[in-house]
Each structure stands twice: as C-alpha cells, then as structure tokens.
Amino acid sequence: MDVTDETGDAPDALRLPSAAELLAGARGAAPGPRADADPDSGSIPGSGSESGFGEPADFDPDEELLPCGREPESVLEHASVDALDEHERSCPECQAVLRDHSVLDQVTREWAELSVPVPDDLGTRVMRLVRAELHTGRLLPMGEPDEQLTLTETAAARTLRAAVDAEPGVQARSCRIRPFENRAGAAVPGPVTVRLSVGVPYGEPIHALADRLRERVRRAATERLGLEVAKVDVDVVGLEPAAEARKGNR
C-alpha cells in the first residue's frame, strides 16, 4: 500500500522521530499508534491526550526521557546484552533510538577504518608549532576582571624593546614582563612589572639614562598596549661606544 502523499514524502503521522528529537524531548512528528493503544478510541492509556499522540502525563523534558517514558541509555544498554523487554521490542520510540544508534555506530566504524595519509614533513610542522607556542611567553590579562582578553609577553616585549631602542645609543637586549597576580598567585588584569637588560653608550650618566628608559617603557605600555606598569627594572649589561666615537672611527 502506498503511504506517501503527493510530494512523495511519508505522512507526518507515520514518520518516526529521529534520535535527536527523542533525546531532546521534542516531537517534530508523531509516531504511529503504540501497541498498548485502544484501537477503537485511538487514544493511548495514561497519555492524557484524546488524539493518542500527546506526551505522557508524567513526562519531564528535563529528564531527557523518550516520549514513551523510557531512558535512551537504558534501552541501548538492554540491546547491548540482548535483553530488550516486550515494550522496547514493540515501541516505535525505543526502536528509533536503536536504529539511529546503529547507523551512528556503523559510520564511526567506517571512519575508523579509513586510511589517513601522513605528510612527510609532519614532524617539522609539529615542532614549528610547538616552538611558536613556547616563544609566546606568558599571557598578560588585560581589560576588566570579567573580560577574556590577553596579550602575549612576546608581543608586548617587542613593543617595549622598540621604545627602548629609540633612545640614542641604547640597545635593548631582553625584556621580561611579569603579570599582576592575585593572592592565589593567578595572573589577573593589573599593573605589570617590566625587567629590561640593555646596552648603553659609554660615558652616558647611567642613572639619568635609566630614568628616561623607564619613562619610555611606561609611555609605550600605556599608549600602545593599554598596560599599566607598576615597576621597571633596568639591568645595564653592556657599554656601547658613544655615537661620536663610532663616527670618528669610520
């Protein structure tokens, strides 16, 4: 007997709901009459619906039960040990869960058996990504405490080194940035601490030069990065020839 309508689709009353619909407690389309329905009245005992297709009176969508009142997990567990009861063997909802799970299991097995080509340079690619991740340094939280905004230490240090290099005769060697930490030791938005190692021109008053470098770092951090700086430590690790001396040696 032909059960399709003019569009070629099965009538809604005969289409079984998918597993996704069942697990979500949604009834996009009603199943056929259940085995325990009264054929004369067309209603399901205890359903609270005259049409025979309503939700059971005790059905709670929050519990992720099937419309018939069974748990999908218990149905699948019974099927795995060949212990389906009479209701589960005849119930359209339970059978739909079993069919959908069977299709999913088959697709998973097929995908697991597919051969995946491995590029010859896979190891090189992985190590390149690992090195890039390691070189980012620590993450510096920014913005408000409830915002998810961070800046990598490497990116921030590059900006601050450029500001230091702008001072005539100074060469930034390294820049480390320590984020602000709460009492538990976790990094949170707040004033950061910067530690610089620099080479400075020989003969330049170091104290005055260090003060200028601190000011450059604070200005760059605030204006370019939006970071507040609590402290800037300067380590002079080299004395460079003065610019005038370098010009005279040429």
Protein backbone atom coordinates (compact mmCIF):
# COMPACT_ATOMS: atom_id res chain seq x y z
CA MET A 1 0.00 0.00 0.00
CA ASP A 2 1.29 3.45 -0.93
CA VAL A 3 1.64 5.60 2.20
CA THR A 4 3.20 8.66 0.56
CA ASP A 5 1.43 11.91 -0.19
CA GLU A 6 1.55 13.85 -3.44
CA THR A 7 5.03 15.22 -2.66
CA GLY A 8 6.48 11.76 -2.27
CA ASP A 9 7.03 12.10 1.48
CA ALA A 10 5.58 9.89 4.16
CA PRO A 11 2.65 11.44 6.06
CA ASP A 12 3.69 13.08 9.33
CA ALA A 13 1.57 10.66 11.32
CA LEU A 14 3.67 7.71 10.06
CA ARG A 15 7.16 9.29 10.28
CA LEU A 16 9.23 8.15 13.23
CA PRO A 17 11.10 10.90 15.09
CA SER A 18 14.89 10.97 14.89
CA ALA A 19 17.12 10.18 17.85
CA ALA A 20 17.97 13.88 18.21
CA GLU A 21 14.27 14.71 18.53
CA LEU A 22 13.73 11.93 21.01
CA LEU A 23 16.70 12.83 23.21
CA ALA A 24 15.68 16.49 23.25
CA GLY A 25 12.15 15.57 24.23
CA ALA A 26 10.84 17.19 21.05
CA ARG A 27 8.07 15.72 18.93
CA GLY A 28 8.57 17.22 15.48
CA ALA A 29 6.31 14.47 14.09
CA ALA A 30 4.11 11.99 15.85
CA PRO A 31 4.77 8.25 15.63
CA GLY A 32 2.18 5.68 14.77
CA PRO A 33 -0.16 4.19 17.39
CA ARG A 34 1.57 2.32 20.18
CA ALA A 35 0.99 -1.32 20.83
CA ASP A 36 -0.99 -0.60 24.01
CA ALA A 37 -3.32 1.94 22.35
CA ASP A 38 -7.04 1.32 22.20
CA PRO A 39 -7.83 0.67 18.52
CA ASP A 40 -11.43 1.84 18.93
CA SER A 41 -10.74 5.14 20.65
CA GLY A 42 -7.33 5.88 19.08
CA SER A 43 -6.01 7.07 22.44
CA ILE A 44 -3.06 5.87 24.46
CA PRO A 45 -3.86 4.79 28.00
CA GLY A 46 -2.45 7.21 30.55
CA SER A 47 -1.32 9.68 27.89
CA GLY A 48 -3.78 12.41 28.79
CA SER A 49 -4.42 13.04 25.06
CA GLU A 50 -7.51 12.17 23.06
CA SER A 51 -5.56 12.03 19.81
CA GLY A 52 -3.24 9.28 21.03
CA PHE A 53 -0.13 11.28 20.16
CA GLY A 54 0.36 13.52 23.21
CA GLU A 55 3.11 13.40 25.81
CA PRO A 56 2.68 11.03 28.76
CA ALA A 57 1.26 12.82 31.77
CA ASP A 58 4.43 12.24 33.81
CA PHE A 59 6.90 13.14 31.01
CA ASP A 60 9.52 15.70 32.03
CA PRO A 61 11.68 17.06 29.15
CA ASP A 62 14.42 17.96 31.62
CA GLU A 63 14.97 14.29 32.39
CA GLU A 64 15.69 13.51 28.69
CA LEU A 65 13.24 10.65 28.63
CA LEU A 66 11.70 9.25 25.49
CA PRO A 67 8.03 10.13 24.88
CA CYS A 68 7.20 6.62 25.99
CA GLY A 69 8.84 7.28 29.35
CA ARG A 70 11.95 5.14 28.88
CA GLU A 71 15.54 6.37 29.17
CA PRO A 72 17.51 6.10 25.89
CA GLU A 73 20.58 4.90 27.77
CA SER A 74 18.69 2.03 29.37
CA VAL A 75 17.24 0.97 26.01
CA LEU A 76 20.70 0.89 24.42
CA GLU A 77 22.11 -0.97 27.42
CA HIS A 78 19.40 -3.63 27.21
CA ALA A 79 20.02 -4.04 23.48
CA SER A 80 23.77 -4.49 24.02
CA VAL A 81 23.12 -7.58 26.18
CA ASP A 82 20.18 -8.82 24.10
CA ALA A 83 17.74 -8.16 26.95
CA LEU A 84 15.06 -5.98 25.38
CA ASP A 85 11.68 -6.35 27.07
CA GLU A 86 8.35 -6.59 25.27
CA HIS A 87 7.77 -2.84 25.38
CA GLU A 88 11.21 -1.99 23.93
CA ARG A 89 10.76 -4.50 21.09
CA SER A 90 7.40 -3.04 20.04
CA CYS A 91 7.71 0.65 20.97
CA PRO A 92 8.37 2.95 17.95
CA GLU A 93 10.34 5.42 20.09
CA CYS A 94 12.65 2.76 21.51
CA GLN A 95 13.16 1.19 18.10
CA ALA A 96 14.00 4.60 16.60
CA VAL A 97 16.73 5.06 19.19
CA LEU A 98 18.17 1.65 18.34
CA ARG A 99 18.12 2.35 14.59
CA ASP A 100 19.78 5.75 14.94
CA HIS A 101 22.44 4.32 17.24
CA SER A 102 23.10 1.51 14.76
CA VAL A 103 23.64 3.99 11.92
CA LEU A 104 25.96 6.11 14.06
CA ASP A 105 27.93 3.05 15.13
CA GLN A 106 28.32 1.93 11.52
CA VAL A 107 29.54 5.35 10.35
CA THR A 108 32.01 5.53 13.26
CA ARG A 109 33.43 2.13 12.39
CA GLU A 110 33.81 3.09 8.72
CA TRP A 111 35.62 6.31 9.59
CA ALA A 112 37.92 4.47 11.99
CA GLU A 113 38.98 2.14 9.17
CA LEU A 114 39.81 4.94 6.72
CA SER A 115 43.49 5.36 5.96
CA VAL A 116 44.79 8.86 6.69
CA PRO A 117 47.83 9.99 4.64
CA VAL A 118 50.66 11.33 6.79
CA PRO A 119 52.73 14.16 5.23
CA ASP A 120 56.48 13.55 5.08
CA ASP A 121 57.14 16.84 6.90
CA LEU A 122 54.60 16.24 9.68
CA GLY A 123 57.29 16.22 12.37
CA THR A 124 58.72 19.50 11.12
CA ARG A 125 55.30 21.12 11.12
CA VAL A 126 54.53 19.96 14.65
CA MET A 127 57.85 21.21 16.03
CA ARG A 128 57.39 24.56 14.28
CA LEU A 129 54.03 24.99 16.02
CA VAL A 130 55.48 23.89 19.36
CA ARG A 131 58.33 26.37 19.12
CA ALA A 132 55.93 29.15 18.14
CA GLU A 133 53.75 28.34 21.14
CA LEU A 134 56.68 28.24 23.54
CA HIS A 135 58.08 31.52 22.29
CA THR A 136 54.90 33.45 23.05
CA GLY A 137 55.86 33.65 26.72
CA ARG A 138 53.32 34.25 29.41
CA LEU A 139 49.83 35.59 28.81
CA LEU A 140 49.17 39.05 30.20
CA PRO A 141 45.49 39.54 31.20
CA MET A 142 44.06 42.88 30.12
CA GLY A 143 40.86 44.87 30.47
CA GLU A 144 38.28 44.27 33.17
CA PRO A 145 38.49 41.25 35.52
CA ASP A 146 35.48 39.59 33.87
CA GLU A 147 36.81 40.05 30.32
CA GLN A 148 38.63 37.34 28.37
CA LEU A 149 41.40 39.49 26.88
CA THR A 150 45.09 38.59 26.97
CA LEU A 151 48.31 39.75 25.33
CA THR A 152 51.33 37.51 24.88
CA GLU A 153 54.52 38.51 26.63
CA THR A 154 56.44 38.22 23.35
CA ALA A 155 54.23 40.73 21.56
CA ALA A 156 54.33 43.18 24.46
CA ALA A 157 58.11 42.82 24.89
CA ARG A 158 58.70 43.53 21.20
CA THR A 159 56.85 46.84 21.54
CA LEU A 160 58.72 47.85 24.68
CA ARG A 161 62.12 46.95 23.21
CA ALA A 162 61.36 49.14 20.20
CA ALA A 163 60.63 52.04 22.56
CA VAL A 164 63.93 51.48 24.36
CA ASP A 165 65.88 51.24 21.10
CA ALA A 166 64.54 54.67 20.16
CA GLU A 167 66.79 56.18 22.84
CA PRO A 168 70.01 57.25 21.07
CA GLY A 169 72.86 54.81 21.62
CA VAL A 170 70.80 52.29 23.61
CA GLN A 171 70.34 48.66 22.55
CA ALA A 172 67.64 46.55 24.22
CA ARG A 173 68.98 43.06 24.91
CA SER A 174 65.98 41.42 26.59
CA CYS A 175 62.62 42.32 28.09
CA ARG A 176 60.65 40.23 30.57
CA ILE A 177 57.15 41.14 31.73
CA ARG A 178 55.53 39.71 34.83
CA PRO A 179 51.73 39.98 35.04
CA PHE A 180 49.89 41.18 38.11
CA GLU A 181 48.91 38.31 40.40
CA ASN A 182 46.13 37.95 42.96
CA ARG A 183 46.56 36.42 46.40
CA ALA A 184 46.18 32.94 44.94
CA GLY A 185 49.06 33.54 42.55
CA ALA A 186 46.88 33.67 39.42
CA ALA A 187 47.57 36.25 36.72
CA VAL A 188 44.82 38.88 36.60
CA PRO A 189 44.43 42.31 34.99
CA GLY A 190 46.53 44.89 36.80
CA PRO A 191 49.88 46.73 36.80
CA VAL A 192 52.70 44.63 35.31
CA THR A 193 56.38 44.57 36.22
CA VAL A 194 59.00 45.01 33.47
CA ARG A 195 62.65 43.96 33.63
CA LEU A 196 64.99 45.23 30.90
CA SER A 197 68.57 44.37 30.06
CA VAL A 198 70.24 46.98 27.87
CA GLY A 199 73.49 48.12 26.42
CA VAL A 200 74.11 51.85 26.94
CA PRO A 201 76.59 54.32 25.46
CA TYR A 202 79.91 54.58 27.27
CA GLY A 203 80.24 57.82 29.20
CA GLU A 204 76.47 58.43 29.45
CA PRO A 205 75.25 59.11 33.02
CA ILE A 206 73.54 55.79 33.76
CA HIS A 207 71.06 56.98 36.40
CA ALA A 208 69.61 59.71 34.21
CA LEU A 209 69.53 57.37 31.22
CA ALA A 210 67.72 54.66 33.21
CA ASP A 211 65.06 57.18 34.23
CA ARG A 212 64.49 58.10 30.59
CA LEU A 213 64.19 54.44 29.63
CA ARG A 214 61.65 53.83 32.38
CA GLU A 215 59.58 56.73 31.12
CA ARG A 216 59.75 55.42 27.55
CA VAL A 217 58.61 51.98 28.69
CA ARG A 218 55.69 53.31 30.72
CA ARG A 219 54.53 55.57 27.88
CA ALA A 220 54.73 52.79 25.28
CA ALA A 221 52.95 50.32 27.55
CA THR A 222 50.11 52.74 28.26
CA GLU A 223 49.65 54.34 24.83
CA ARG A 224 50.34 51.35 22.56
CA LEU A 225 49.35 48.34 24.64
CA GLY A 226 46.91 49.60 27.24
CA LEU A 227 49.04 48.15 30.04
CA GLU A 228 49.70 49.87 33.35
CA VAL A 229 53.27 49.46 34.58
CA ALA A 230 53.97 49.27 38.29
CA LYS A 231 57.75 48.96 38.11
CA VAL A 232 60.55 48.99 35.52
CA ASP A 233 63.87 47.37 36.47
CA VAL A 234 66.85 48.21 34.24
CA ASP A 235 69.93 45.97 34.05
CA VAL A 236 72.89 47.52 32.22
CA VAL A 237 74.69 44.54 30.71
CA GLY A 238 76.94 46.31 28.22
CA LEU A 239 78.65 49.61 27.47
CA GLU A 240 78.46 50.57 23.81
CA PRO A 241 80.83 53.06 22.10
CA ALA A 242 79.36 56.55 22.02
CA ALA A 243 77.85 57.69 18.72
CA GLU A 244 80.53 60.35 18.31
CA ALA A 245 83.32 57.79 18.83
CA ARG A 246 81.78 55.43 16.27
CA LYS A 247 81.64 58.25 13.70
CA GLY A 248 85.29 59.17 14.34
CA ASN A 249 86.45 55.61 13.74
CA ARG A 250 84.92 55.47 10.28
